[in-house]
Amino acid sequence: MRRREFVIMFAQAQWPCRLPREPSDVMPVIGFLHAGSREENTKRLAAFLKGLGNGGFVDGLNVTIDYRWAAGNDL
């Protein structure tokens, strides 16, 4: 057996180990980045969550939202 054949056979044997998890196991993550603070943007945040809800997404149920607030600080 030549080296190329061995490498191909080895890669094929490892293929099932590299398959992604089932789609139902993966919860999507939305990154929310804003230059202001949470307190200054309560209405905007409520509208954002309402829009997501209209699309069928609920934070913590079927989507995770990762919030980052700069609160006016330079990054």
Protein backbone atom coordinates (compact mmCIF):
# COMPACT_ATOMS: atom_id res chain seq x y z
CA MET A 1 0.00 0.00 0.00
CA ARG A 2 1.38 3.34 -1.01
CA ARG A 3 1.43 6.31 1.31
CA ARG A 4 -1.23 8.21 -0.68
CA GLU A 5 -3.64 5.28 -0.45
CA PHE A 6 -2.98 5.00 3.27
CA VAL A 7 -3.65 8.70 3.86
CA ILE A 8 -6.91 8.55 1.87
CA MET A 9 -8.05 5.46 3.74
CA PHE A 10 -7.17 7.06 7.09
CA ALA A 11 -9.03 10.29 6.21
CA GLN A 12 -12.11 8.30 5.18
CA ALA A 13 -12.02 6.36 8.45
CA GLN A 14 -11.92 9.64 10.42
CA TRP A 15 -14.72 11.32 8.44
CA PRO A 16 -17.64 10.42 10.77
CA CYS A 17 -15.76 11.94 13.72
CA ARG A 18 -15.67 15.34 12.07
CA LEU A 19 -19.34 15.68 11.24
CA PRO A 20 -21.11 18.61 12.91
CA ARG A 21 -23.65 18.07 15.64
CA GLU A 22 -27.29 17.72 14.80
CA PRO A 23 -28.84 21.08 13.82
CA SER A 24 -31.34 20.76 16.65
CA ASP A 25 -28.46 20.70 19.17
CA VAL A 26 -27.05 24.05 18.05
CA MET A 27 -28.63 27.26 19.33
CA PRO A 28 -27.87 30.29 17.14
CA VAL A 29 -26.15 33.26 18.77
CA ILE A 30 -26.88 36.88 17.90
CA GLY A 31 -24.27 39.47 18.81
CA PHE A 32 -25.77 42.82 19.85
CA LEU A 33 -23.18 45.61 19.95
CA HIS A 34 -24.13 49.21 20.76
CA ALA A 35 -22.07 52.29 21.52
CA GLY A 36 -24.50 53.50 24.18
CA SER A 37 -25.65 51.94 27.43
CA ARG A 38 -28.54 49.58 28.11
CA GLU A 39 -30.34 52.21 30.21
CA GLU A 40 -30.28 54.77 27.36
CA ASN A 41 -31.65 52.30 24.81
CA THR A 42 -34.50 50.47 26.50
CA LYS A 43 -37.00 51.37 23.76
CA ARG A 44 -34.61 50.36 20.99
CA LEU A 45 -33.85 47.08 22.75
CA ALA A 46 -37.56 46.37 23.26
CA ALA A 47 -38.20 46.97 19.54
CA PHE A 48 -35.30 44.66 18.64
CA LEU A 49 -36.65 41.87 20.85
CA LYS A 50 -40.18 42.41 19.50
CA GLY A 51 -38.88 42.10 15.93
CA LEU A 52 -37.07 38.90 16.80
CA GLY A 53 -40.24 37.59 18.46
CA ASN A 54 -42.24 38.33 15.32
CA GLY A 55 -39.75 36.20 13.44
CA GLY A 56 -40.20 33.36 15.93
CA PHE A 57 -37.02 33.91 17.94
CA VAL A 58 -37.15 34.14 21.74
CA ASP A 59 -34.00 34.89 23.75
CA GLY A 60 -33.04 31.85 25.81
CA LEU A 61 -35.58 29.59 24.13
CA ASN A 62 -34.34 29.14 20.58
CA VAL A 63 -31.69 31.85 20.25
CA THR A 64 -29.00 33.32 22.49
CA ILE A 65 -28.31 37.05 22.41
CA ASP A 66 -24.86 38.19 23.48
CA TYR A 67 -25.06 41.86 24.50
CA ARG A 68 -22.10 44.24 24.48
CA TRP A 69 -22.55 47.85 25.54
CA ALA A 70 -19.75 50.41 25.15
CA ALA A 71 -21.60 53.05 27.21
CA GLY A 72 -19.91 55.86 25.31
CA ASN A 73 -16.38 54.59 25.93
CA ASP A 74 -13.88 54.40 23.08
CA LEU A 75 -13.03 50.89 22.08
